[in-house]
């Protein structure tokens, strides 16, 4: 089972929105997917209830229960677990970092988010965790200089997935309905971004080529 945690030490980076649309894109590619919601705000749990389907499991959990949840999912032949975490340091983020084979660090192209991404990277390096960045909620093309700065900063920190994820209405509308963007508008730009992001993420986790470490 592949285990990917979405982590960042700053709120508002779009972890839950990314996780839900990534889960749908992965499911459409043949993965048996579970979303694990470690965030007290329970955004993904609400998304799952709104969705009203059983194709993608959504399991609320705590840091202490995470190892047992992951073991149960492996026994149910789940092939991909995506863990959503709070936008702050704490037991939940540490548990997710420890359990994941790969951590995905979303960052908006703003100075505050890039600084927070650096702090998250340092925490993962101390924990010897594998990680990669995704630049999320990118502004329109006319603000390309801001995007270029974000790309350069994240690449310098240790790697950036492609494609970049732009600020598009489809992401928010899909989340509101309990869908992924690939379901809301299959031929749209957001859907193409998410399929491309899942393809890049799948290749990246394959390169890790190591078993998941035990959660703390």
N, C-alpha and C. Protein backbone atom coordinates (compact mmCIF):
# COMPACT_ATOMS: atom_id res chain seq x y z
N UNK A 1 0.84 -1.19 0.00
CA UNK A 1 0.00 0.00 0.00
C UNK A 1 0.88 1.25 0.00
N UNK A 2 0.59 2.17 -0.88
CA UNK A 2 1.31 3.44 -0.93
C UNK A 2 0.68 4.39 0.09
N UNK A 3 1.52 5.07 0.85
CA UNK A 3 1.05 5.99 1.88
C UNK A 3 1.67 7.36 1.63
N UNK A 4 0.81 8.34 1.35
CA UNK A 4 1.25 9.70 1.05
C UNK A 4 0.56 10.65 2.02
N UNK A 5 1.34 11.50 2.68
CA UNK A 5 0.79 12.49 3.60
C UNK A 5 0.93 13.88 3.00
N UNK A 6 -0.11 14.68 3.11
CA UNK A 6 -0.06 16.08 2.71
C UNK A 6 0.20 16.90 3.97
N UNK A 7 1.34 17.56 4.01
CA UNK A 7 1.75 18.26 5.23
C UNK A 7 2.27 19.66 4.90
N UNK A 8 1.99 20.58 5.78
CA UNK A 8 2.60 21.90 5.74
C UNK A 8 2.31 22.59 7.06
N UNK A 9 3.23 23.44 7.50
CA UNK A 9 3.06 24.11 8.78
C UNK A 9 2.36 25.45 8.61
N UNK A 10 1.48 25.54 7.63
CA UNK A 10 0.70 26.76 7.43
C UNK A 10 -0.66 26.39 6.87
N UNK A 11 -1.70 26.97 7.42
CA UNK A 11 -3.04 26.73 6.91
C UNK A 11 -3.27 27.47 5.60
N UNK A 12 -4.30 27.05 4.87
CA UNK A 12 -4.69 27.74 3.65
C UNK A 12 -3.91 27.36 2.42
N UNK A 13 -3.07 26.31 2.51
CA UNK A 13 -2.27 25.90 1.36
C UNK A 13 -3.06 25.02 0.39
N UNK A 14 -4.27 24.61 0.80
CA UNK A 14 -5.11 23.83 -0.10
C UNK A 14 -4.91 22.33 -0.01
N UNK A 15 -4.45 21.82 1.15
CA UNK A 15 -4.19 20.39 1.29
C UNK A 15 -5.44 19.55 1.05
N UNK A 16 -6.54 19.91 1.70
CA UNK A 16 -7.75 19.09 1.60
C UNK A 16 -8.32 19.08 0.19
N UNK A 17 -8.32 20.23 -0.46
CA UNK A 17 -8.82 20.31 -1.83
C UNK A 17 -7.96 19.47 -2.76
N UNK A 18 -6.64 19.56 -2.60
CA UNK A 18 -5.74 18.72 -3.40
C UNK A 18 -5.97 17.24 -3.11
N UNK A 19 -6.09 16.90 -1.83
CA UNK A 19 -6.24 15.49 -1.46
C UNK A 19 -7.49 14.89 -2.07
N UNK A 20 -8.60 15.61 -2.05
CA UNK A 20 -9.85 15.06 -2.58
C UNK A 20 -9.77 14.86 -4.08
N UNK A 21 -9.25 15.82 -4.81
CA UNK A 21 -9.17 15.66 -6.27
C UNK A 21 -8.09 14.66 -6.68
N UNK A 22 -6.99 14.59 -5.91
CA UNK A 22 -5.99 13.56 -6.17
C UNK A 22 -6.57 12.17 -5.93
N UNK A 23 -7.37 12.03 -4.88
CA UNK A 23 -7.98 10.74 -4.57
C UNK A 23 -8.87 10.28 -5.72
N UNK A 24 -9.65 11.19 -6.27
CA UNK A 24 -10.53 10.83 -7.38
C UNK A 24 -9.72 10.47 -8.62
N UNK A 25 -8.70 11.27 -8.92
CA UNK A 25 -7.86 10.97 -10.09
C UNK A 25 -7.18 9.62 -9.95
N UNK A 26 -6.70 9.31 -8.75
CA UNK A 26 -6.05 8.03 -8.51
C UNK A 26 -7.05 6.88 -8.62
N UNK A 27 -8.24 7.08 -8.08
CA UNK A 27 -9.30 6.07 -8.18
C UNK A 27 -9.64 5.79 -9.64
N UNK A 28 -9.73 6.84 -10.43
CA UNK A 28 -10.05 6.67 -11.85
C UNK A 28 -8.95 5.94 -12.60
N UNK A 29 -7.73 5.99 -12.07
CA UNK A 29 -6.61 5.29 -12.72
C UNK A 29 -6.48 3.85 -12.25
N UNK A 30 -7.37 3.43 -11.34
CA UNK A 30 -7.37 2.03 -10.92
C UNK A 30 -6.93 1.76 -9.49
N UNK A 31 -6.59 2.80 -8.72
CA UNK A 31 -6.18 2.61 -7.34
C UNK A 31 -7.40 2.41 -6.43
N UNK A 32 -7.23 1.62 -5.39
CA UNK A 32 -8.22 1.50 -4.32
C UNK A 32 -7.81 2.49 -3.24
N UNK A 33 -8.56 3.57 -3.10
CA UNK A 33 -8.09 4.75 -2.37
C UNK A 33 -8.83 4.94 -1.06
N UNK A 34 -8.08 5.35 -0.04
CA UNK A 34 -8.67 5.81 1.21
C UNK A 34 -8.07 7.16 1.58
N UNK A 35 -8.92 8.10 1.95
CA UNK A 35 -8.50 9.38 2.51
C UNK A 35 -8.58 9.28 4.03
N UNK A 36 -7.48 9.60 4.70
CA UNK A 36 -7.44 9.58 6.16
C UNK A 36 -7.42 11.03 6.64
N UNK A 37 -8.41 11.40 7.43
CA UNK A 37 -8.59 12.78 7.85
C UNK A 37 -8.08 12.95 9.28
N UNK A 38 -6.88 13.54 9.42
CA UNK A 38 -6.31 13.83 10.74
C UNK A 38 -6.56 15.27 11.18
N UNK A 39 -7.24 16.04 10.34
CA UNK A 39 -7.46 17.46 10.63
C UNK A 39 -8.72 17.62 11.49
N UNK A 40 -8.63 18.28 12.66
CA UNK A 40 -9.81 18.50 13.50
C UNK A 40 -10.93 19.25 12.78
N UNK A 41 -10.61 20.01 11.75
CA UNK A 41 -11.65 20.70 10.99
C UNK A 41 -12.51 19.73 10.18
N UNK A 42 -12.01 18.50 9.98
CA UNK A 42 -12.77 17.42 9.34
C UNK A 42 -13.28 17.78 7.95
N UNK A 43 -12.48 18.51 7.19
CA UNK A 43 -12.90 18.93 5.86
C UNK A 43 -13.14 17.74 4.94
N UNK A 44 -12.23 16.78 4.94
CA UNK A 44 -12.39 15.62 4.06
C UNK A 44 -13.53 14.72 4.52
N UNK A 45 -13.74 14.64 5.81
CA UNK A 45 -14.88 13.86 6.32
C UNK A 45 -16.18 14.45 5.82
N UNK A 46 -16.29 15.77 5.84
CA UNK A 46 -17.48 16.45 5.31
C UNK A 46 -17.59 16.22 3.81
N UNK A 47 -16.47 16.29 3.10
CA UNK A 47 -16.46 16.02 1.65
C UNK A 47 -16.98 14.62 1.37
N UNK A 48 -16.55 13.64 2.16
CA UNK A 48 -16.98 12.26 1.96
C UNK A 48 -18.47 12.09 2.18
N UNK A 49 -19.00 12.75 3.22
CA UNK A 49 -20.44 12.68 3.46
C UNK A 49 -21.22 13.32 2.32
N UNK A 50 -20.71 14.44 1.83
CA UNK A 50 -21.36 15.11 0.71
C UNK A 50 -21.33 14.24 -0.53
N UNK A 51 -20.24 13.54 -0.75
CA UNK A 51 -20.09 12.67 -1.91
C UNK A 51 -21.14 11.57 -1.89
N UNK A 52 -21.33 10.96 -0.73
CA UNK A 52 -22.36 9.96 -0.60
C UNK A 52 -22.12 8.68 -1.36
N UNK A 53 -20.87 8.39 -1.69
CA UNK A 53 -20.52 7.16 -2.42
C UNK A 53 -19.55 6.34 -1.58
N UNK A 54 -19.38 5.08 -1.96
CA UNK A 54 -18.46 4.20 -1.23
C UNK A 54 -17.23 3.87 -2.06
N UNK A 55 -17.05 4.56 -3.21
CA UNK A 55 -15.92 4.24 -4.08
C UNK A 55 -14.59 4.68 -3.48
N UNK A 56 -14.61 5.75 -2.69
CA UNK A 56 -13.39 6.24 -2.02
C UNK A 56 -13.68 6.30 -0.53
N UNK A 57 -12.94 5.52 0.24
CA UNK A 57 -13.12 5.53 1.69
C UNK A 57 -12.61 6.85 2.26
N UNK A 58 -13.32 7.36 3.25
CA UNK A 58 -12.86 8.53 4.01
C UNK A 58 -12.94 8.14 5.49
N UNK A 59 -11.78 8.13 6.15
CA UNK A 59 -11.71 7.65 7.54
C UNK A 59 -11.15 8.75 8.43
N UNK A 60 -11.94 9.26 9.37
CA UNK A 60 -11.38 10.19 10.35
C UNK A 60 -10.51 9.43 11.33
N UNK A 61 -9.43 10.05 11.79
CA UNK A 61 -8.52 9.37 12.70
C UNK A 61 -7.83 10.39 13.58
N UNK A 62 -7.10 9.86 14.54
CA UNK A 62 -6.23 10.67 15.39
C UNK A 62 -4.81 10.18 15.20
N UNK A 63 -3.86 10.91 15.74
CA UNK A 63 -2.46 10.50 15.63
C UNK A 63 -2.25 9.13 16.28
N UNK A 64 -2.85 8.93 17.44
CA UNK A 64 -2.65 7.68 18.17
C UNK A 64 -3.23 6.47 17.43
N UNK A 65 -4.33 6.69 16.71
CA UNK A 65 -5.00 5.58 16.02
C UNK A 65 -4.46 5.32 14.62
N UNK A 66 -3.61 6.20 14.12
CA UNK A 66 -3.17 6.10 12.73
C UNK A 66 -2.52 4.75 12.38
N UNK A 67 -1.60 4.22 13.18
CA UNK A 67 -1.01 2.93 12.81
C UNK A 67 -2.05 1.82 12.65
N UNK A 68 -3.03 1.76 13.56
CA UNK A 68 -4.06 0.74 13.47
C UNK A 68 -4.94 0.94 12.24
N UNK A 69 -5.24 2.19 11.93
CA UNK A 69 -6.05 2.49 10.73
C UNK A 69 -5.32 2.02 9.48
N UNK A 70 -4.03 2.33 9.37
CA UNK A 70 -3.27 1.93 8.20
C UNK A 70 -3.17 0.40 8.07
N UNK A 71 -2.99 -0.27 9.19
CA UNK A 71 -2.93 -1.73 9.16
C UNK A 71 -4.24 -2.32 8.68
N UNK A 72 -5.37 -1.75 9.14
CA UNK A 72 -6.68 -2.24 8.73
C UNK A 72 -6.91 -2.00 7.24
N UNK A 73 -6.45 -0.87 6.74
CA UNK A 73 -6.63 -0.57 5.31
C UNK A 73 -5.82 -1.53 4.45
N UNK A 74 -4.61 -1.85 4.86
CA UNK A 74 -3.79 -2.80 4.12
C UNK A 74 -4.47 -4.16 4.05
N UNK A 75 -5.13 -4.55 5.13
CA UNK A 75 -5.86 -5.83 5.15
C UNK A 75 -7.09 -5.80 4.26
N UNK A 76 -7.58 -4.59 3.95
CA UNK A 76 -8.75 -4.45 3.07
C UNK A 76 -8.33 -4.25 1.61
N UNK A 77 -7.07 -4.46 1.32
CA UNK A 77 -6.53 -4.36 -0.04
C UNK A 77 -6.60 -2.95 -0.61
N UNK A 78 -6.58 -1.95 0.26
CA UNK A 78 -6.44 -0.56 -0.21
C UNK A 78 -5.03 -0.41 -0.78
N UNK A 79 -4.91 0.23 -1.93
CA UNK A 79 -3.59 0.39 -2.56
C UNK A 79 -2.99 1.78 -2.36
N UNK A 80 -3.81 2.74 -1.93
CA UNK A 80 -3.32 4.11 -1.75
C UNK A 80 -4.03 4.76 -0.58
N UNK A 81 -3.25 5.22 0.39
CA UNK A 81 -3.78 6.00 1.51
C UNK A 81 -3.23 7.42 1.41
N UNK A 82 -4.11 8.38 1.38
CA UNK A 82 -3.74 9.79 1.38
C UNK A 82 -4.12 10.38 2.73
N UNK A 83 -3.14 10.92 3.44
CA UNK A 83 -3.37 11.43 4.79
C UNK A 83 -3.39 12.96 4.76
N UNK A 84 -4.51 13.54 5.22
CA UNK A 84 -4.62 14.99 5.34
C UNK A 84 -4.33 15.39 6.77
N UNK A 85 -3.59 16.48 6.95
CA UNK A 85 -3.14 16.88 8.27
C UNK A 85 -3.52 18.34 8.57
N UNK A 86 -3.50 18.73 9.83
CA UNK A 86 -3.75 20.15 10.16
C UNK A 86 -2.61 21.03 9.63
N UNK A 87 -2.91 22.29 9.46
CA UNK A 87 -1.90 23.23 8.99
C UNK A 87 -1.08 23.80 10.12
N UNK A 88 -0.49 22.92 10.94
CA UNK A 88 0.32 23.36 12.08
C UNK A 88 1.15 22.19 12.55
N UNK A 89 2.19 22.50 13.34
CA UNK A 89 2.96 21.44 13.97
C UNK A 89 2.11 20.75 15.03
N UNK A 90 2.46 19.51 15.34
CA UNK A 90 1.71 18.81 16.37
C UNK A 90 1.77 17.32 16.17
N UNK A 91 1.06 16.59 17.03
CA UNK A 91 1.11 15.13 17.01
C UNK A 91 0.58 14.56 15.70
N UNK A 92 -0.47 15.15 15.15
CA UNK A 92 -1.06 14.62 13.91
C UNK A 92 -0.07 14.72 12.75
N UNK A 93 0.54 15.88 12.60
CA UNK A 93 1.51 16.06 11.52
C UNK A 93 2.70 15.14 11.69
N UNK A 94 3.19 14.99 12.93
CA UNK A 94 4.33 14.12 13.19
C UNK A 94 4.00 12.66 12.89
N UNK A 95 2.79 12.23 13.27
CA UNK A 95 2.38 10.86 13.01
C UNK A 95 2.29 10.59 11.52
N UNK A 96 1.73 11.54 10.79
CA UNK A 96 1.60 11.38 9.33
C UNK A 96 2.96 11.34 8.67
N UNK A 97 3.87 12.23 9.07
CA UNK A 97 5.21 12.25 8.51
C UNK A 97 5.93 10.92 8.76
N UNK A 98 5.75 10.37 9.95
CA UNK A 98 6.43 9.13 10.31
C UNK A 98 5.86 7.93 9.55
N UNK A 99 4.56 7.94 9.28
CA UNK A 99 3.91 6.80 8.64
C UNK A 99 4.05 6.79 7.13
N UNK A 100 4.22 7.97 6.53
CA UNK A 100 4.18 8.08 5.07
C UNK A 100 5.47 7.62 4.40
N UNK A 101 5.32 7.04 3.23
CA UNK A 101 6.47 6.75 2.38
C UNK A 101 6.93 8.02 1.67
N UNK A 102 5.99 8.93 1.45
CA UNK A 102 6.31 10.19 0.78
C UNK A 102 5.39 11.27 1.33
N UNK A 103 5.95 12.44 1.61
CA UNK A 103 5.15 13.58 2.04
C UNK A 103 5.06 14.60 0.90
N UNK A 104 3.86 15.06 0.65
CA UNK A 104 3.60 16.08 -0.36
C UNK A 104 3.38 17.40 0.37
N UNK A 105 4.20 18.39 0.05
CA UNK A 105 4.13 19.69 0.73
C UNK A 105 3.55 20.72 -0.24
N UNK A 106 2.28 21.07 -0.09
CA UNK A 106 1.71 22.10 -0.97
C UNK A 106 2.13 23.48 -0.49
N UNK A 107 2.36 24.37 -1.45
CA UNK A 107 2.71 25.75 -1.10
C UNK A 107 2.13 26.70 -2.14
N UNK A 108 1.54 27.77 -1.66
CA UNK A 108 1.16 28.84 -2.58
C UNK A 108 2.40 29.69 -2.88
N UNK A 109 2.40 30.38 -4.02
CA UNK A 109 3.57 31.20 -4.38
C UNK A 109 3.58 32.54 -3.66
N UNK A 110 3.59 32.50 -2.32
CA UNK A 110 3.69 33.71 -1.51
C UNK A 110 4.86 33.55 -0.56
N UNK A 111 5.38 34.65 -0.09
CA UNK A 111 6.55 34.60 0.80
C UNK A 111 6.25 33.81 2.07
N UNK A 112 5.08 34.05 2.68
CA UNK A 112 4.74 33.36 3.93
C UNK A 112 4.65 31.85 3.71
N UNK A 113 4.03 31.43 2.62
CA UNK A 113 3.91 30.00 2.35
C UNK A 113 5.27 29.37 2.06
N UNK A 114 6.11 30.06 1.33
CA UNK A 114 7.43 29.53 1.02
C UNK A 114 8.27 29.40 2.28
N UNK A 115 8.15 30.35 3.19
CA UNK A 115 8.87 30.24 4.46
C UNK A 115 8.35 29.04 5.26
N UNK A 116 7.02 28.86 5.28
CA UNK A 116 6.45 27.72 6.00
C UNK A 116 6.89 26.40 5.36
N UNK A 117 6.99 26.38 4.03
CA UNK A 117 7.45 25.18 3.34
C UNK A 117 8.87 24.81 3.75
N UNK A 118 9.70 25.82 3.94
CA UNK A 118 11.07 25.58 4.39
C UNK A 118 11.08 24.95 5.79
N UNK A 119 10.20 25.43 6.66
CA UNK A 119 10.12 24.87 8.01
C UNK A 119 9.65 23.41 7.98
N UNK A 120 8.68 23.13 7.12
CA UNK A 120 8.18 21.76 6.99
C UNK A 120 9.28 20.85 6.45
N UNK A 121 10.02 21.34 5.46
CA UNK A 121 11.12 20.56 4.89
C UNK A 121 12.16 20.23 5.96
N UNK A 122 12.48 21.21 6.79
CA UNK A 122 13.46 20.97 7.85
C UNK A 122 12.98 19.91 8.82
N UNK A 123 11.69 19.95 9.17
CA UNK A 123 11.13 18.95 10.08
C UNK A 123 11.20 17.56 9.47
N UNK A 124 10.94 17.46 8.18
CA UNK A 124 10.99 16.17 7.51
C UNK A 124 12.42 15.66 7.38
N UNK A 125 13.36 16.56 7.15
CA UNK A 125 14.76 16.14 7.06
C UNK A 125 15.24 15.60 8.41
N UNK A 126 14.82 16.25 9.49
CA UNK A 126 15.19 15.77 10.82
C UNK A 126 14.60 14.39 11.09
N UNK A 127 13.40 14.16 10.55
CA UNK A 127 12.74 12.86 10.73
C UNK A 127 13.15 11.86 9.67
N UNK A 128 14.04 12.27 8.75
CA UNK A 128 14.50 11.43 7.64
C UNK A 128 13.33 11.00 6.75
N UNK A 129 12.39 11.92 6.56
CA UNK A 129 11.24 11.63 5.72
C UNK A 129 11.47 12.07 4.28
N UNK A 130 10.92 11.34 3.35
CA UNK A 130 11.02 11.69 1.93
C UNK A 130 9.90 12.67 1.60
N UNK A 131 10.18 13.64 0.75
CA UNK A 131 9.18 14.68 0.49
C UNK A 131 9.36 15.26 -0.91
N UNK A 132 8.30 15.92 -1.37
CA UNK A 132 8.33 16.65 -2.63
C UNK A 132 7.32 17.79 -2.51
N UNK A 133 7.55 18.86 -3.25
CA UNK A 133 6.67 20.03 -3.19
C UNK A 133 5.71 20.06 -4.37
N UNK A 134 4.57 20.72 -4.16
CA UNK A 134 3.69 21.08 -5.27
C UNK A 134 3.31 22.54 -5.09
N UNK A 135 3.42 23.32 -6.16
CA UNK A 135 3.05 24.73 -6.10
C UNK A 135 1.57 24.83 -6.42
N UNK A 136 0.79 25.30 -5.46
CA UNK A 136 -0.67 25.27 -5.53
C UNK A 136 -1.24 26.69 -5.58
N UNK A 137 -2.47 26.79 -6.11
CA UNK A 137 -3.19 28.06 -6.17
C UNK A 137 -2.36 29.15 -6.85
N UNK A 138 -1.72 28.77 -7.95
CA UNK A 138 -0.90 29.74 -8.68
C UNK A 138 -1.78 30.79 -9.34
N UNK A 139 -1.33 32.04 -9.36
CA UNK A 139 -2.11 33.12 -9.95
C UNK A 139 -2.12 33.04 -11.47
N UNK A 140 -2.92 33.90 -12.12
CA UNK A 140 -2.99 33.89 -13.58
C UNK A 140 -1.64 34.13 -14.24
N UNK A 141 -1.58 33.83 -15.52
CA UNK A 141 -0.32 33.87 -16.26
C UNK A 141 0.34 35.24 -16.24
N UNK A 142 -0.47 36.30 -16.13
CA UNK A 142 0.13 37.63 -16.16
C UNK A 142 1.00 37.90 -14.94
N UNK A 143 0.87 37.03 -13.91
CA UNK A 143 1.72 37.18 -12.72
C UNK A 143 2.81 36.12 -12.71
N UNK A 144 3.33 35.81 -13.90
CA UNK A 144 4.26 34.70 -14.04
C UNK A 144 5.56 34.91 -13.25
N UNK A 145 5.97 36.15 -13.02
CA UNK A 145 7.20 36.39 -12.26
C UNK A 145 7.08 35.84 -10.85
N UNK A 146 5.92 35.99 -10.26
CA UNK A 146 5.67 35.47 -8.92
C UNK A 146 5.74 33.94 -8.93
N UNK A 147 5.20 33.33 -9.96
CA UNK A 147 5.25 31.87 -10.07
C UNK A 147 6.69 31.41 -10.24
N UNK A 148 7.44 32.10 -11.11
CA UNK A 148 8.83 31.72 -11.34
C UNK A 148 9.65 31.76 -10.06
N UNK A 149 9.39 32.75 -9.22
CA UNK A 149 10.11 32.84 -7.94
C UNK A 149 9.76 31.66 -7.05
N UNK A 150 8.47 31.29 -7.03
CA UNK A 150 8.05 30.15 -6.22
C UNK A 150 8.65 28.86 -6.71
N UNK A 151 8.68 28.66 -8.02
CA UNK A 151 9.28 27.46 -8.61
C UNK A 151 10.75 27.36 -8.23
N UNK A 152 11.48 28.45 -8.39
CA UNK A 152 12.91 28.45 -8.08
C UNK A 152 13.16 28.14 -6.60
N UNK A 153 12.34 28.73 -5.73
CA UNK A 153 12.53 28.51 -4.29
C UNK A 153 12.29 27.06 -3.91
N UNK A 154 11.21 26.46 -4.42
CA UNK A 154 10.87 25.09 -4.05
C UNK A 154 11.82 24.08 -4.68
N UNK A 155 12.24 24.35 -5.89
CA UNK A 155 13.22 23.44 -6.51
C UNK A 155 14.53 23.46 -5.73
N UNK A 156 14.91 24.64 -5.23
CA UNK A 156 16.14 24.74 -4.45
C UNK A 156 16.03 23.98 -3.13
N UNK A 157 14.81 23.84 -2.61
CA UNK A 157 14.60 23.13 -1.34
C UNK A 157 14.60 21.62 -1.51
N UNK A 158 14.45 21.13 -2.72
CA UNK A 158 14.52 19.68 -2.84
C UNK A 158 13.59 19.02 -3.82
N UNK A 159 12.99 19.74 -4.74
CA UNK A 159 12.20 19.06 -5.76
C UNK A 159 10.77 19.55 -5.83
N UNK A 160 10.27 19.65 -7.04
CA UNK A 160 8.94 20.20 -7.29
C UNK A 160 8.22 19.32 -8.30
N UNK A 161 7.02 18.89 -7.96
CA UNK A 161 6.22 18.09 -8.89
C UNK A 161 5.65 18.98 -9.98
N UNK A 162 5.42 18.39 -11.14
CA UNK A 162 4.72 19.09 -12.20
C UNK A 162 3.43 18.33 -12.50
N UNK A 163 2.41 19.01 -13.01
CA UNK A 163 2.37 20.44 -13.34
C UNK A 163 2.09 21.30 -12.11
N UNK A 164 2.25 22.62 -12.28
CA UNK A 164 1.79 23.55 -11.27
C UNK A 164 0.27 23.51 -11.22
N UNK A 165 -0.29 23.77 -10.04
CA UNK A 165 -1.75 23.77 -9.88
C UNK A 165 -2.21 25.22 -9.77
N UNK A 166 -3.06 25.63 -10.70
CA UNK A 166 -3.50 27.02 -10.74
C UNK A 166 -4.79 27.24 -9.96
N UNK A 167 -5.02 28.49 -9.61
CA UNK A 167 -6.25 28.86 -8.90
C UNK A 167 -7.40 28.86 -9.91
N UNK A 168 -8.22 27.82 -9.85
CA UNK A 168 -9.33 27.67 -10.80
C UNK A 168 -10.62 27.41 -10.02
N UNK A 169 -11.72 27.93 -10.54
CA UNK A 169 -13.01 27.76 -9.90
C UNK A 169 -13.40 26.30 -9.78
N UNK A 170 -12.99 25.47 -10.74
CA UNK A 170 -13.37 24.05 -10.74
C UNK A 170 -12.96 23.34 -9.45
N UNK A 171 -11.83 23.70 -8.87
CA UNK A 171 -11.39 23.03 -7.65
C UNK A 171 -12.36 23.27 -6.49
N UNK A 172 -12.76 24.51 -6.32
CA UNK A 172 -13.68 24.84 -5.23
C UNK A 172 -15.07 24.27 -5.49
N UNK A 173 -15.52 24.31 -6.72
CA UNK A 173 -16.86 23.80 -7.04
C UNK A 173 -16.91 22.29 -6.86
N UNK A 174 -15.87 21.59 -7.30
CA UNK A 174 -15.82 20.13 -7.11
C UNK A 174 -15.82 19.78 -5.63
N UNK A 175 -15.03 20.48 -4.83
CA UNK A 175 -14.99 20.20 -3.40
C UNK A 175 -16.35 20.42 -2.75
N UNK A 176 -17.04 21.47 -3.17
CA UNK A 176 -18.35 21.79 -2.60
C UNK A 176 -19.36 20.67 -2.86
N UNK A 177 -19.24 20.01 -4.00
CA UNK A 177 -20.19 18.97 -4.41
C UNK A 177 -19.79 17.57 -3.95
N UNK A 178 -18.59 17.45 -3.36
CA UNK A 178 -18.11 16.12 -2.99
C UNK A 178 -17.53 15.36 -4.17
N UNK A 179 -17.03 16.06 -5.14
CA UNK A 179 -16.45 15.46 -6.34
C UNK A 179 -14.97 15.80 -6.42
N UNK A 180 -14.31 15.25 -7.45
CA UNK A 180 -12.99 15.68 -7.86
C UNK A 180 -13.13 16.48 -9.14
N UNK A 181 -12.09 17.24 -9.49
CA UNK A 181 -12.21 18.07 -10.70
C UNK A 181 -12.30 17.22 -11.97
N UNK A 182 -11.77 16.01 -11.92
CA UNK A 182 -11.85 15.14 -13.09
C UNK A 182 -13.26 14.63 -13.32
N UNK A 183 -14.11 14.69 -12.31
CA UNK A 183 -15.53 14.35 -12.45
C UNK A 183 -16.36 15.57 -12.83
N UNK A 184 -16.01 16.70 -12.24
CA UNK A 184 -16.79 17.92 -12.48
C UNK A 184 -16.70 18.37 -13.92
N UNK A 185 -15.49 18.42 -14.44
CA UNK A 185 -15.26 18.90 -15.81
C UNK A 185 -14.11 18.09 -16.40
N UNK A 186 -14.40 16.87 -16.88
CA UNK A 186 -13.34 15.95 -17.30
C UNK A 186 -12.38 16.49 -18.35
N UNK A 187 -12.84 17.39 -19.19
CA UNK A 187 -11.99 17.92 -20.26
C UNK A 187 -11.37 19.27 -19.90
N UNK A 188 -11.60 19.73 -18.66
CA UNK A 188 -11.14 21.05 -18.27
C UNK A 188 -9.66 21.10 -17.91
N UNK A 189 -9.15 22.32 -17.78
CA UNK A 189 -7.73 22.51 -17.46
C UNK A 189 -7.39 21.97 -16.07
N UNK A 190 -8.31 22.15 -15.09
CA UNK A 190 -8.05 21.66 -13.75
C UNK A 190 -7.96 20.13 -13.74
N UNK A 191 -8.85 19.48 -14.50
CA UNK A 191 -8.82 18.01 -14.58
C UNK A 191 -7.50 17.53 -15.17
N UNK A 192 -7.02 18.19 -16.20
CA UNK A 192 -5.74 17.82 -16.81
C UNK A 192 -4.59 18.03 -15.82
N UNK A 193 -4.65 19.12 -15.05
CA UNK A 193 -3.62 19.35 -14.03
C UNK A 193 -3.60 18.20 -13.02
N UNK A 194 -4.78 17.79 -12.57
CA UNK A 194 -4.83 16.79 -11.51
C UNK A 194 -4.42 15.42 -12.02
N UNK A 195 -4.78 15.07 -13.24
CA UNK A 195 -4.31 13.79 -13.80
C UNK A 195 -2.79 13.81 -13.94
N UNK A 196 -2.27 14.94 -14.39
CA UNK A 196 -0.81 15.07 -14.53
C UNK A 196 -0.11 15.02 -13.19
N UNK A 197 -0.72 15.64 -12.18
CA UNK A 197 -0.11 15.64 -10.85
C UNK A 197 -0.10 14.23 -10.26
N UNK A 198 -1.19 13.49 -10.42
CA UNK A 198 -1.22 12.13 -9.92
C UNK A 198 -0.17 11.27 -10.64
N UNK A 199 -0.04 11.43 -11.94
CA UNK A 199 0.96 10.67 -12.70
C UNK A 199 2.36 10.97 -12.18
N UNK A 200 2.66 12.24 -11.92
CA UNK A 200 3.98 12.63 -11.40
C UNK A 200 4.19 12.08 -9.99
N UNK A 201 3.15 12.15 -9.18
CA UNK A 201 3.26 11.67 -7.80
C UNK A 201 3.47 10.16 -7.76
N UNK A 202 2.77 9.44 -8.63
CA UNK A 202 2.92 7.99 -8.69
C UNK A 202 4.34 7.59 -9.07
N UNK A 203 4.91 8.30 -10.04
CA UNK A 203 6.30 8.02 -10.43
C UNK A 203 7.26 8.35 -9.29
N UNK A 204 6.98 9.44 -8.60
CA UNK A 204 7.88 9.87 -7.52
C UNK A 204 7.88 8.90 -6.35
N UNK A 205 6.71 8.39 -5.99
CA UNK A 205 6.67 7.47 -4.86
C UNK A 205 7.29 6.12 -5.23
N UNK A 206 7.22 5.76 -6.51
CA UNK A 206 7.86 4.53 -6.95
C UNK A 206 9.37 4.62 -6.80
N UNK A 207 9.93 5.82 -6.97
CA UNK A 207 11.37 6.02 -6.84
C UNK A 207 11.83 5.88 -5.39
N UNK A 208 10.91 6.12 -4.46
CA UNK A 208 11.28 6.01 -3.06
C UNK A 208 11.76 4.60 -2.75
N UNK A 209 11.05 3.60 -3.31
CA UNK A 209 11.46 2.19 -3.24
C UNK A 209 11.86 1.75 -1.84
N UNK A 210 11.01 2.11 -0.87
CA UNK A 210 11.29 1.67 0.49
C UNK A 210 9.96 1.46 1.19
N UNK A 211 9.89 0.57 2.18
CA UNK A 211 8.64 0.34 2.90
C UNK A 211 8.32 1.51 3.81
N UNK A 212 7.04 1.63 4.17
CA UNK A 212 6.65 2.69 5.09
C UNK A 212 7.28 2.46 6.45
N UNK A 213 7.71 3.55 7.09
CA UNK A 213 8.25 3.44 8.43
C UNK A 213 7.13 3.40 9.45
N UNK A 214 7.41 2.84 10.61
CA UNK A 214 6.37 2.75 11.63
C UNK A 214 6.03 4.13 12.15
N UNK A 215 4.73 4.34 12.39
CA UNK A 215 4.32 5.62 12.95
C UNK A 215 4.76 5.72 14.39
N UNK A 216 5.05 6.95 14.80
CA UNK A 216 5.48 7.16 16.19
C UNK A 216 4.31 6.97 17.14
